[in-house]
PDB file of N, CA and C in Angstrom:
ATOM      1  N   MET A   1       6.072 -13.542-111.359  1.00  0.00           N
ATOM      2  CA  MET A   1       5.498 -12.353-111.966  1.00  0.00           C
ATOM      3  C   MET A   1       6.621 -11.501-112.547  1.00  0.00           C
ATOM      4  N   ASN A   2       6.595 -11.289-113.827  1.00  0.00           N
ATOM      5  CA  ASN A   2       7.675 -10.572-114.503  1.00  0.00           C
ATOM      6  C   ASN A   2       7.797  -9.111-114.110  1.00  0.00           C
ATOM      7  N   ASP A   3       6.691  -8.464-113.771  1.00  0.00           N
ATOM      8  CA  ASP A   3       6.740  -7.039-113.482  1.00  0.00           C
ATOM      9  C   ASP A   3       6.654  -6.720-111.992  1.00  0.00           C
ATOM     10  N   CYS A   4       6.728  -7.701-111.126  1.00  0.00           N
ATOM     11  CA  CYS A   4       6.602  -7.499-109.682  1.00  0.00           C
ATOM     12  C   CYS A   4       7.950  -7.065-109.105  1.00  0.00           C
ATOM     13  N   ILE A   5       7.968  -5.878-108.503  1.00  0.00           N
ATOM     14  CA  ILE A   5       9.219  -5.348-107.950  1.00  0.00           C
ATOM     15  C   ILE A   5       9.765  -6.238-106.827  1.00  0.00           C
ATOM     16  N   PHE A   6       8.875  -6.825-106.018  1.00  0.00           N
ATOM     17  CA  PHE A   6       9.353  -7.683-104.936  1.00  0.00           C
ATOM     18  C   PHE A   6       9.932  -8.979-105.486  1.00  0.00           C
ATOM     19  N   CYS A   7       9.341  -9.534-106.534  1.00  0.00           N
ATOM     20  CA  CYS A   7       9.920 -10.724-107.158  1.00  0.00           C
ATOM     21  C   CYS A   7      11.303 -10.400-107.724  1.00  0.00           C
ATOM     22  N   LYS A   8      11.457  -9.198-108.262  1.00  0.00           N
ATOM     23  CA  LYS A   8      12.768  -8.794-108.782  1.00  0.00           C
ATOM     24  C   LYS A   8      13.793  -8.648-107.662  1.00  0.00           C
ATOM     25  N   ILE A   9      13.363  -8.153-106.504  1.00  0.00           N
ATOM     26  CA  ILE A   9      14.270  -8.077-105.345  1.00  0.00           C
ATOM     27  C   ILE A   9      14.642  -9.486-104.889  1.00  0.00           C
ATOM     28  N   ILE A  10      13.655 -10.362-104.802  1.00  0.00           N
ATOM     29  CA  ILE A  10      13.900 -11.754-104.394  1.00  0.00           C
ATOM     30  C   ILE A  10      14.895 -12.420-105.336  1.00  0.00           C
ATOM     31  N   ASN A  11      14.763 -12.158-106.639  1.00  0.00           N
ATOM     32  CA  ASN A  11      15.639 -12.754-107.648  1.00  0.00           C
ATOM     33  C   ASN A  11      16.945 -11.988-107.849  1.00  0.00           C
ATOM     34  N   ARG A  12      17.178 -10.966-107.009  1.00  0.00           N
ATOM     35  CA  ARG A  12      18.405 -10.146-107.041  1.00  0.00           C
ATOM     36  C   ARG A  12      18.553  -9.379-108.348  1.00  0.00           C
ATOM     37  N   GLU A  13      17.432  -9.061-108.993  1.00  0.00           N
ATOM     38  CA  GLU A  13      17.460  -8.241-110.195  1.00  0.00           C
ATOM     39  C   GLU A  13      17.468  -6.758-109.839  1.00  0.00           C
ATOM     40  N   ILE A  14      17.014  -6.432-108.635  1.00  0.00           N
ATOM     41  CA  ILE A  14      17.011  -5.073-108.111  1.00  0.00           C
ATOM     42  C   ILE A  14      17.730  -5.115-106.765  1.00  0.00           C
ATOM     43  N   PRO A  15      18.679  -4.202-106.535  1.00  0.00           N
ATOM     44  CA  PRO A  15      19.382  -4.205-105.251  1.00  0.00           C
ATOM     45  C   PRO A  15      18.467  -3.785-104.106  1.00  0.00           C
ATOM     46  N   SER A  16      18.737  -4.332-102.941  1.00  0.00           N
ATOM     47  CA  SER A  16      17.976  -4.002-101.742  1.00  0.00           C
ATOM     48  C   SER A  16      18.841  -4.309-100.531  1.00  0.00           C
ATOM     49  N   THR A  17      18.508  -3.671 -99.420  1.00  0.00           N
ATOM     50  CA  THR A  17      19.205  -3.954 -98.174  1.00  0.00           C
ATOM     51  C   THR A  17      18.454  -5.064 -97.460  1.00  0.00           C
ATOM     52  N   ILE A  18      18.952  -6.269 -97.607  1.00  0.00           N
ATOM     53  CA  ILE A  18      18.304  -7.458 -97.040  1.00  0.00           C
ATOM     54  C   ILE A  18      18.752  -7.608 -95.596  1.00  0.00           C
ATOM     55  N   VAL A  19      17.769  -7.799 -94.695  1.00  0.00           N
ATOM     56  CA  VAL A  19      18.085  -7.938 -93.277  1.00  0.00           C
ATOM     57  C   VAL A  19      17.794  -9.337 -92.750  1.00  0.00           C
ATOM     58  N   TYR A  20      17.051 -10.135 -93.518  1.00  0.00           N
ATOM     59  CA  TYR A  20      16.754 -11.510 -93.117  1.00  0.00           C
ATOM     60  C   TYR A  20      16.370 -12.291 -94.367  1.00  0.00           C
ATOM     61  N   GLU A  21      16.748 -13.560 -94.373  1.00  0.00           N
ATOM     62  CA  GLU A  21      16.350 -14.426 -95.477  1.00  0.00           C
ATOM     63  C   GLU A  21      16.431 -15.879 -95.038  1.00  0.00           C
ATOM     64  N   ASP A  22      15.437 -16.645 -95.464  1.00  0.00           N
ATOM     65  CA  ASP A  22      15.490 -18.098 -95.335  1.00  0.00           C
ATOM     66  C   ASP A  22      14.932 -18.681 -96.636  1.00  0.00           C
ATOM     67  N   ASP A  23      14.610 -19.956 -96.651  1.00  0.00           N
ATOM     68  CA  ASP A  23      14.148 -20.588 -97.886  1.00  0.00           C
ATOM     69  C   ASP A  23      12.801 -20.052 -98.374  1.00  0.00           C
ATOM     70  N   LEU A  24      11.970 -19.543 -97.472  1.00  0.00           N
ATOM     71  CA  LEU A  24      10.605 -19.159 -97.820  1.00  0.00           C
ATOM     72  C   LEU A  24      10.329 -17.660 -97.773  1.00  0.00           C
ATOM     73  N   VAL A  25      11.155 -16.922 -97.044  1.00  0.00           N
ATOM     74  CA  VAL A  25      10.850 -15.520 -96.735  1.00  0.00           C
ATOM     75  C   VAL A  25      12.100 -14.669 -96.897  1.00  0.00           C
ATOM     76  N   ILE A  26      11.874 -13.411 -97.274  1.00  0.00           N
ATOM     77  CA  ILE A  26      12.950 -12.431 -97.317  1.00  0.00           C
ATOM     78  C   ILE A  26      12.451 -11.164 -96.621  1.00  0.00           C
ATOM     79  N   ALA A  27      13.348 -10.443 -95.986  1.00  0.00           N
ATOM     80  CA  ALA A  27      13.005  -9.164 -95.352  1.00  0.00           C
ATOM     81  C   ALA A  27      14.045  -8.141 -95.774  1.00  0.00           C
ATOM     82  N   PHE A  28      13.558  -6.959 -96.142  1.00  0.00           N
ATOM     83  CA  PHE A  28      14.457  -5.902 -96.601  1.00  0.00           C
ATOM     84  C   PHE A  28      13.911  -4.545 -96.183  1.00  0.00           C
ATOM     85  N   GLU A  29      14.804  -3.553 -96.205  1.00  0.00           N
ATOM     86  CA  GLU A  29      14.435  -2.201 -95.796  1.00  0.00           C
ATOM     87  C   GLU A  29      13.518  -1.563 -96.828  1.00  0.00           C
ATOM     88  N   ASP A  30      12.496  -0.860 -96.353  1.00  0.00           N
ATOM     89  CA  ASP A  30      11.603  -0.118 -97.239  1.00  0.00           C
ATOM     90  C   ASP A  30      12.338   1.120 -97.740  1.00  0.00           C
ATOM     91  N   ILE A  31      12.320   1.351 -99.042  1.00  0.00           N
ATOM     92  CA  ILE A  31      13.040   2.507 -99.599  1.00  0.00           C
ATOM     93  C   ILE A  31      12.332   3.831 -99.310  1.00  0.00           C
ATOM     94  N   SER A  32      11.071   3.767 -98.871  1.00  0.00           N
ATOM     95  CA  SER A  32      10.323   4.971 -98.489  1.00  0.00           C
ATOM     96  C   SER A  32       9.949   4.879 -97.017  1.00  0.00           C
ATOM     97  N   ALA A  33      10.959   4.741 -96.177  1.00  0.00           N
ATOM     98  CA  ALA A  33      10.739   4.494 -94.749  1.00  0.00           C
ATOM     99  C   ALA A  33       9.840   5.558 -94.119  1.00  0.00           C
ATOM    100  N   GLN A  34       8.879   5.091 -93.332  1.00  0.00           N
ATOM    101  CA  GLN A  34       7.944   5.956 -92.615  1.00  0.00           C
ATOM    102  C   GLN A  34       8.264   6.029 -91.126  1.00  0.00           C
ATOM    103  N   ALA A  35       9.306   5.335 -90.702  1.00  0.00           N
ATOM    104  CA  ALA A  35       9.740   5.301 -89.301  1.00  0.00           C
ATOM    105  C   ALA A  35      11.216   4.912 -89.293  1.00  0.00           C
ATOM    106  N   PRO A  36      11.904   5.129 -88.168  1.00  0.00           N
ATOM    107  CA  PRO A  36      13.315   4.730 -88.098  1.00  0.00           C
ATOM    108  C   PRO A  36      13.525   3.248 -88.455  1.00  0.00           C
ATOM    109  N   VAL A  37      12.602   2.396 -88.043  1.00  0.00           N
ATOM    110  CA  VAL A  37      12.603   0.997 -88.470  1.00  0.00           C
ATOM    111  C   VAL A  37      11.412   0.828 -89.399  1.00  0.00           C
ATOM    112  N   HIS A  38      11.683   0.484 -90.642  1.00  0.00           N
ATOM    113  CA  HIS A  38      10.610   0.195 -91.602  1.00  0.00           C
ATOM    114  C   HIS A  38      11.127  -0.895 -92.529  1.00  0.00           C
ATOM    115  N   THR A  39      10.818  -2.116 -92.157  1.00  0.00           N
ATOM    116  CA  THR A  39      11.299  -3.295 -92.865  1.00  0.00           C
ATOM    117  C   THR A  39      10.106  -4.044 -93.428  1.00  0.00           C
ATOM    118  N   LEU A  40      10.262  -4.574 -94.630  1.00  0.00           N
ATOM    119  CA  LEU A  40       9.219  -5.366 -95.265  1.00  0.00           C
ATOM    120  C   LEU A  40       9.571  -6.846 -95.162  1.00  0.00           C
ATOM    121  N   VAL A  41       8.604  -7.650 -94.757  1.00  0.00           N
ATOM    122  CA  VAL A  41       8.761  -9.102 -94.698  1.00  0.00           C
ATOM    123  C   VAL A  41       7.879  -9.677 -95.797  1.00  0.00           C
ATOM    124  N   VAL A  42       8.499 -10.441 -96.709  1.00  0.00           N
ATOM    125  CA  VAL A  42       7.844 -10.848 -97.945  1.00  0.00           C
ATOM    126  C   VAL A  42       8.050 -12.344 -98.186  1.00  0.00           C
ATOM    127  N   PRO A  43       6.977 -13.088 -98.436  1.00  0.00           N
ATOM    128  CA  PRO A  43       7.188 -14.480 -98.850  1.00  0.00           C
ATOM    129  C   PRO A  43       7.850 -14.508-100.228  1.00  0.00           C
ATOM    130  N   LYS A  44       8.747 -15.446-100.443  1.00  0.00           N
ATOM    131  CA  LYS A  44       9.416 -15.541-101.740  1.00  0.00           C
ATOM    132  C   LYS A  44       8.460 -16.000-102.828  1.00  0.00           C
ATOM    133  N   LYS A  45       7.475 -16.793-102.469  1.00  0.00           N
ATOM    134  CA  LYS A  45       6.455 -17.212-103.424  1.00  0.00           C
ATOM    135  C   LYS A  45       5.528 -16.021-103.674  1.00  0.00           C
ATOM    136  N   HIS A  46       5.239 -15.745-104.936  1.00  0.00           N
ATOM    137  CA  HIS A  46       4.354 -14.621-105.249  1.00  0.00           C
ATOM    138  C   HIS A  46       2.928 -14.962-104.835  1.00  0.00           C
ATOM    139  N   ILE A  47       2.461 -14.225-103.857  1.00  0.00           N
ATOM    140  CA  ILE A  47       1.087 -14.335-103.352  1.00  0.00           C
ATOM    141  C   ILE A  47       0.538 -12.922-103.370  1.00  0.00           C
ATOM    142  N   LYS A  48      -0.648 -12.734-103.929  1.00  0.00           N
ATOM    143  CA  LYS A  48      -1.181 -11.389-104.150  1.00  0.00           C
ATOM    144  C   LYS A  48      -1.396 -10.609-102.860  1.00  0.00           C
ATOM    145  N   ASN A  49      -2.016 -11.224-101.861  1.00  0.00           N
ATOM    146  CA  ASN A  49      -2.290 -10.515-100.608  1.00  0.00           C
ATOM    147  C   ASN A  49      -2.570 -11.513 -99.493  1.00  0.00           C
ATOM    148  N   VAL A  50      -2.860 -11.000 -98.320  1.00  0.00           N
ATOM    149  CA  VAL A  50      -3.028 -11.838 -97.130  1.00  0.00           C
ATOM    150  C   VAL A  50      -4.192 -12.821 -97.278  1.00  0.00           C
ATOM    151  N   LEU A  51      -5.180 -12.492 -98.083  1.00  0.00           N
ATOM    152  CA  LEU A  51      -6.322 -13.385 -98.274  1.00  0.00           C
ATOM    153  C   LEU A  51      -5.963 -14.635 -99.067  1.00  0.00           C
ATOM    154  N   GLU A  52      -4.846 -14.595 -99.764  1.00  0.00           N
ATOM    155  CA  GLU A  52      -4.402 -15.744-100.540  1.00  0.00           C
ATOM    156  C   GLU A  52      -3.318 -16.571 -99.844  1.00  0.00           C
ATOM    157  N   LEU A  53      -2.961 -16.193 -98.636  1.00  0.00           N
ATOM    158  CA  LEU A  53      -1.960 -16.935 -97.870  1.00  0.00           C
ATOM    159  C   LEU A  53      -2.651 -18.094 -97.151  1.00  0.00           C
ATOM    160  N   GLU A  54      -2.543 -19.283 -97.728  1.00  0.00           N
ATOM    161  CA  GLU A  54      -3.246 -20.449 -97.194  1.00  0.00           C
ATOM    162  C   GLU A  54      -2.319 -21.546 -96.672  1.00  0.00           C
ATOM    163  N   ASP A  55      -1.051 -21.496 -97.004  1.00  0.00           N
ATOM    164  CA  ASP A  55      -0.087 -22.534 -96.635  1.00  0.00           C
ATOM    165  C   ASP A  55       0.364 -22.329 -95.189  1.00  0.00           C
ATOM    166  N   PRO A  56       0.020 -23.255 -94.274  1.00  0.00           N
ATOM    167  CA  PRO A  56       0.402 -23.095 -92.866  1.00  0.00           C
ATOM    168  C   PRO A  56       1.910 -23.007 -92.655  1.00  0.00           C
ATOM    169  N   GLN A  57       2.689 -23.737 -93.438  1.00  0.00           N
ATOM    170  CA  GLN A  57       4.151 -23.683 -93.304  1.00  0.00           C
ATOM    171  C   GLN A  57       4.671 -22.295 -93.684  1.00  0.00           C
ATOM    172  N   LEU A  58       4.115 -21.722 -94.737  1.00  0.00           N
ATOM    173  CA  LEU A  58       4.531 -20.393 -95.148  1.00  0.00           C
ATOM    174  C   LEU A  58       4.081 -19.339 -94.143  1.00  0.00           C
ATOM    175  N   MET A  59       2.876 -19.492 -93.604  1.00  0.00           N
ATOM    176  CA  MET A  59       2.403 -18.563 -92.559  1.00  0.00           C
ATOM    177  C   MET A  59       3.361 -18.570 -91.375  1.00  0.00           C
ATOM    178  N   ALA A  60       3.738 -19.762 -90.941  1.00  0.00           N
ATOM    179  CA  ALA A  60       4.655 -19.889 -89.810  1.00  0.00           C
ATOM    180  C   ALA A  60       6.005 -19.250 -90.140  1.00  0.00           C
ATOM    181  N   ALA A  61       6.481 -19.451 -91.367  1.00  0.00           N
ATOM    182  CA  ALA A  61       7.769 -18.882 -91.766  1.00  0.00           C
ATOM    183  C   ALA A  61       7.716 -17.358 -91.780  1.00  0.00           C
ATOM    184  N   VAL A  62       6.620 -16.796 -92.256  1.00  0.00           N
ATOM    185  CA  VAL A  62       6.460 -15.346 -92.291  1.00  0.00           C
ATOM    186  C   VAL A  62       6.496 -14.782 -90.875  1.00  0.00           C
ATOM    187  N   PHE A  63       5.732 -15.384 -89.969  1.00  0.00           N
ATOM    188  CA  PHE A  63       5.684 -14.850 -88.614  1.00  0.00           C
ATOM    189  C   PHE A  63       6.967 -15.120 -87.835  1.00  0.00           C
ATOM    190  N   ASN A  64       7.664 -16.181 -88.160  1.00  0.00           N
ATOM    191  CA  ASN A  64       8.985 -16.411 -87.582  1.00  0.00           C
ATOM    192  C   ASN A  64       9.949 -15.319 -88.043  1.00  0.00           C
ATOM    193  N   ALA A  65       9.876 -14.960 -89.326  1.00  0.00           N
ATOM    194  CA  ALA A  65      10.731 -13.897 -89.855  1.00  0.00           C
ATOM    195  C   ALA A  65      10.397 -12.561 -89.199  1.00  0.00           C
ATOM    196  N   ILE A  66       9.120 -12.283 -88.997  1.00  0.00           N
ATOM    197  CA  ILE A  66       8.716 -11.041 -88.327  1.00  0.00           C
ATOM    198  C   ILE A  66       9.336 -10.974 -86.931  1.00  0.00           C
ATOM    199  N   ARG A  67       9.257 -12.072 -86.198  1.00  0.00           N
ATOM    200  CA  ARG A  67       9.842 -12.117 -84.858  1.00  0.00           C
ATOM    201  C   ARG A  67      11.340 -11.874 -84.904  1.00  0.00           C
ATOM    202  N   LYS A  68      12.031 -12.524 -85.827  1.00  0.00           N
ATOM    203  CA  LYS A  68      13.487 -12.374 -85.927  1.00  0.00           C
ATOM    204  C   LYS A  68      13.893 -10.961 -86.340  1.00  0.00           C
ATOM    205  N   VAL A  69      13.158 -10.374 -87.271  1.00  0.00           N
ATOM    206  CA  VAL A  69      13.472  -9.012 -87.696  1.00  0.00           C
ATOM    207  C   VAL A  69      13.217  -8.035 -86.559  1.00  0.00           C
ATOM    208  N   ALA A  70      12.084  -8.171 -85.883  1.00  0.00           N
ATOM    209  CA  ALA A  70      11.781  -7.278 -84.752  1.00  0.00           C
ATOM    210  C   ALA A  70      12.884  -7.369 -83.700  1.00  0.00           C
ATOM    211  N   ASN A  71      13.356  -8.562 -83.446  1.00  0.00           N
ATOM    212  CA  ASN A  71      14.434  -8.754 -82.479  1.00  0.00           C
ATOM    213  C   ASN A  71      15.728  -8.106 -82.963  1.00  0.00           C
ATOM    214  N   SER A  72      16.103  -8.364 -84.205  1.00  0.00           N
ATOM    215  CA  SER A  72      17.370  -7.830 -84.718  1.00  0.00           C
ATOM    216  C   SER A  72      17.345  -6.313 -84.852  1.00  0.00           C
ATOM    217  N   LYS A  73      16.177  -5.729 -85.062  1.00  0.00           N
ATOM    218  CA  LYS A  73      16.039  -4.280 -85.178  1.00  0.00           C
ATOM    219  C   LYS A  73      15.839  -3.603 -83.821  1.00  0.00           C
ATOM    220  N   GLY A  74      15.701  -4.398 -82.760  1.00  0.00           N
ATOM    221  CA  GLY A  74      15.583  -3.847 -81.419  1.00  0.00           C
ATOM    222  C   GLY A  74      14.220  -3.271 -81.080  1.00  0.00           C
ATOM    223  N   VAL A  75      13.188  -3.686 -81.792  1.00  0.00           N
ATOM    224  CA  VAL A  75      11.839  -3.192 -81.495  1.00  0.00           C
ATOM    225  C   VAL A  75      10.958  -4.269 -80.863  1.00  0.00           C
ATOM    226  N   ASP A  76      11.543  -5.423 -80.585  1.00  0.00           N
ATOM    227  CA  ASP A  76      10.774  -6.524 -80.005  1.00  0.00           C
ATOM    228  C   ASP A  76      10.239  -6.171 -78.624  1.00  0.00           C
ATOM    229  N   GLU A  77      10.982  -5.403 -77.853  1.00  0.00           N
ATOM    230  CA  GLU A  77      10.523  -5.044 -76.507  1.00  0.00           C
ATOM    231  C   GLU A  77       9.876  -3.661 -76.461  1.00  0.00           C
ATOM    232  N   SER A  78      10.364  -2.724 -77.259  1.00  0.00           N
ATOM    233  CA  SER A  78       9.790  -1.365 -77.241  1.00  0.00           C
ATOM    234  C   SER A  78       8.450  -1.314 -77.952  1.00  0.00           C
ATOM    235  N   GLY A  79       8.257  -2.182 -78.922  1.00  0.00           N
ATOM    236  CA  GLY A  79       6.999  -2.242 -79.650  1.00  0.00           C
ATOM    237  C   GLY A  79       7.151  -1.834 -81.107  1.00  0.00           C
ATOM    238  N   PHE A  80       6.245  -2.332 -81.918  1.00  0.00           N
ATOM    239  CA  PHE A  80       6.249  -2.028 -83.348  1.00  0.00           C
ATOM    240  C   PHE A  80       4.847  -2.214 -83.896  1.00  0.00           C
ATOM    241  N   ARG A  81       4.629  -1.635 -85.045  1.00  0.00           N
ATOM    242  CA  ARG A  81       3.361  -1.788 -85.755  1.00  0.00           C
ATOM    243  C   ARG A  81       3.594  -2.759 -86.897  1.00  0.00           C
ATOM    244  N   LEU A  82       2.660  -3.684 -87.092  1.00  0.00           N
ATOM    245  CA  LEU A  82       2.723  -4.664 -88.171  1.00  0.00           C
ATOM    246  C   LEU A  82       1.531  -4.427 -89.078  1.00  0.00           C
ATOM    247  N   ILE A  83       1.796  -4.158 -90.352  1.00  0.00           N
ATOM    248  CA  ILE A  83       0.736  -3.808 -91.295  1.00  0.00           C
ATOM    249  C   ILE A  83       0.853  -4.657 -92.551  1.00  0.00           C
ATOM    250  N   ALA A  84      -0.293  -5.159 -93.005  1.00  0.00           N
ATOM    251  CA  ALA A  84      -0.386  -5.824 -94.303  1.00  0.00           C
ATOM    252  C   ALA A  84      -1.548  -5.181 -95.049  1.00  0.00           C
ATOM    253  N   ASN A  85      -1.243  -4.267 -95.957  1.00  0.00           N
ATOM    254  CA  ASN A  85      -2.283  -3.640 -96.761  1.00  0.00           C
ATOM    255  C   ASN A  85      -2.824  -4.666 -97.751  1.00  0.00           C
ATOM    256  N   THR A  86      -4.141  -4.705 -97.897  1.00  0.00           N
ATOM    257  CA  THR A  86      -4.779  -5.688 -98.763  1.00  0.00           C
ATOM    258  C   THR A  86      -5.783  -4.991 -99.665  1.00  0.00           C
ATOM    259  N   GLY A  87      -5.452  -4.880-100.937  1.00  0.00           N
ATOM    260  CA  GLY A  87      -6.358  -4.288-101.912  1.00  0.00           C
ATOM    261  C   GLY A  87      -6.155  -2.797-102.112  1.00  0.00           C
ATOM    262  N   ASP A  88      -6.797  -2.298-103.147  1.00  0.00           N
ATOM    263  CA  ASP A  88      -6.636  -0.902-103.538  1.00  0.00           C
ATOM    264  C   ASP A  88      -7.113   0.083-102.476  1.00  0.00           C
ATOM    265  N   ALA A  89      -8.233  -0.197-101.821  1.00  0.00           N
ATOM    266  CA  ALA A  89      -8.767   0.724-100.814  1.00  0.00           C
ATOM    267  C   ALA A  89      -7.834   0.848 -99.614  1.00  0.00           C
ATOM    268  N   ALA A  90      -6.981  -0.142 -99.405  1.00  0.00           N
ATOM    269  CA  ALA A  90      -6.007  -0.104 -98.310  1.00  0.00           C
ATOM    270  C   ALA A  90      -4.645   0.398 -98.792  1.00  0.00           C
ATOM    271  N   CYS A  91      -4.587   0.846-100.037  1.00  0.00           N
ATOM    272  CA  CYS A  91      -3.355   1.376-100.637  1.00  0.00           C
ATOM    273  C   CYS A  91      -2.263   0.321-100.802  1.00  0.00           C
ATOM    274  N   GLN A  92      -2.660  -0.894-101.164  1.00  0.00           N
ATOM    275  CA  GLN A  92      -1.663  -1.915-101.475  1.00  0.00           C
ATOM    276  C   GLN A  92      -1.099  -1.588-102.853  1.00  0.00           C
ATOM    277  N   THR A  93       0.078  -0.989-102.894  1.00  0.00           N
ATOM    278  CA  THR A  93       0.656  -0.546-104.157  1.00  0.00           C
ATOM    279  C   THR A  93       1.429  -1.648-104.870  1.00  0.00           C
ATOM    280  N   VAL A  94       1.985  -2.589-104.125  1.00  0.00           N
ATOM    281  CA  VAL A  94       2.669  -3.742-104.721  1.00  0.00           C
ATOM    282  C   VAL A  94       1.791  -4.953-104.462  1.00  0.00           C
ATOM    283  N   LYS A  95       1.343  -5.595-105.516  1.00  0.00           N
ATOM    284  CA  LYS A  95       0.412  -6.728-105.387  1.00  0.00           C
ATOM    285  C   LYS A  95       1.171  -8.037-105.137  1.00  0.00           C
ATOM    286  N   HIS A  96       2.021  -7.996-104.129  1.00  0.00           N
ATOM    287  CA  HIS A  96       2.760  -9.165-103.637  1.00  0.00           C
ATOM    288  C   HIS A  96       2.681  -9.036-102.122  1.00  0.00           C
ATOM    289  N   LEU A  97       2.140 -10.028-101.459  1.00  0.00           N
ATOM    290  CA  LEU A  97       1.952  -9.981-100.012  1.00  0.00           C
ATOM    291  C   LEU A  97       3.226  -9.510 -99.314  1.00  0.00           C
ATOM    292  N   HIS A  98       3.067  -8.540 -98.425  1.00  0.00           N
ATOM    293  CA  HIS A  98       4.192  -8.071 -97.625  1.00  0.00           C
ATOM    294  C   HIS A  98       3.669  -7.458 -96.339  1.00  0.00           C
ATOM    295  N   PHE A  99       4.469  -7.602 -95.308  1.00  0.00           N
ATOM    296  CA  PHE A  99       4.163  -7.052 -94.000  1.00  0.00           C
ATOM    297  C   PHE A  99       5.160  -5.952 -93.693  1.00  0.00           C
ATOM    298  N   HIS A 100       4.654  -4.804 -93.287  1.00  0.00           N
ATOM    299  CA  HIS A 100       5.493  -3.688 -92.866  1.00  0.00           C
ATOM    300  C   HIS A 100       5.736  -3.807 -91.364  1.00  0.00           C
ATOM    301  N   ILE A 101       6.982  -3.780 -90.950  1.00  0.00           N
ATOM    302  CA  ILE A 101       7.339  -3.649 -89.542  1.00  0.00           C
ATOM    303  C   ILE A 101       7.783  -2.208 -89.352  1.00  0.00           C
ATOM    304  N   LEU A 102       7.036  -1.458 -88.543  1.00  0.00           N
ATOM    305  CA  LEU A 102       7.333  -0.052 -88.293  1.00  0.00           C
ATOM    306  C   LEU A 102       7.595   0.147 -86.812  1.00  0.00           C
ATOM    307  N   GLY A 103       8.682   0.817 -86.488  1.00  0.00           N
ATOM    308  CA  GLY A 103       8.997   1.078 -85.089  1.00  0.00           C
ATOM    309  C   GLY A 103      10.217   1.957 -84.960  1.00  0.00           C
ATOM    310  N   GLY A 104      10.791   1.929 -83.777  1.00  0.00           N
ATOM    311  CA  GLY A 104      11.970   2.729 -83.513  1.00  0.00           C
ATOM    312  C   GLY A 104      11.665   4.114 -83.010  1.00  0.00           C
ATOM    313  N   LYS A 105      10.400   4.435 -82.821  1.00  0.00           N
ATOM    314  CA  LYS A 105       9.971   5.703 -82.255  1.00  0.00           C
ATOM    315  C   LYS A 105       8.546   5.503 -81.724  1.00  0.00           C
ATOM    316  N   GLN A 106       8.065   6.467 -80.977  1.00  0.00           N
ATOM    317  CA  GLN A 106       6.674   6.426 -80.523  1.00  0.00           C
ATOM    318  C   GLN A 106       5.771   6.727 -81.713  1.00  0.00           C
ATOM    319  N   LEU A 107       4.953   5.758 -82.103  1.00  0.00           N
ATOM    320  CA  LEU A 107       4.029   5.944 -83.206  1.00  0.00           C
ATOM    321  C   LEU A 107       2.736   6.564 -82.708  1.00  0.00           C
ATOM    322  N   THR A 108       2.048   7.270 -83.575  1.00  0.00           N
ATOM    323  CA  THR A 108       0.780   7.884 -83.182  1.00  0.00           C
ATOM    324  C   THR A 108      -0.340   6.841 -83.227  1.00  0.00           C
ATOM    325  N   GLU A 109      -1.396   7.090 -82.497  1.00  0.00           N
ATOM    326  CA  GLU A 109      -2.541   6.192 -82.492  1.00  0.00           C
ATOM    327  C   GLU A 109      -3.359   6.309 -83.775  1.00  0.00           C
ATOM    328  N   LYS A 110      -3.320   7.459 -84.409  1.00  0.00           N
ATOM    329  CA  LYS A 110      -4.146   7.726 -85.564  1.00  0.00           C
ATOM    330  C   LYS A 110      -3.618   6.976 -86.793  1.00  0.00           C
ATOM    331  N   MET A 111      -4.505   6.340 -87.501  1.00  0.00           N
ATOM    332  CA  MET A 111      -4.185   5.671 -88.750  1.00  0.00           C
ATOM    333  C   MET A 111      -5.098   6.252 -89.825  1.00  0.00           C
ATOM    334  N   ASP A 112      -4.537   6.962 -90.790  1.00  0.00           N
ATOM    335  CA  ASP A 112      -5.355   7.548 -91.856  1.00  0.00           C
ATOM    336  C   ASP A 112      -5.362   6.643 -93.061  1.00  0.00           C
TER     337      ASP A 112
END
């Protein structure tokens, strides 16, 4: 996708603070962090949202990356929130599947 900001980050056209990468997945810091830990885990293949993620190997790679990032960020034991916004009503602003890892502080129960 020529205009996808995440594809541009994956292709190193836009700088980002990358915290994890393998052949299928990349993870980088969210530039609009909502918590002390706010990292995005993104498949390198452009997939619009979670409903289009059908490849079992890619699913496994994404969740392996989530585990590794949570561990490296030190939120694996304290806890973290994992969010994948899907569609306009959920405020998915970038139409490239991504998971938000949020943690590093006590999060509130309320989700608006």
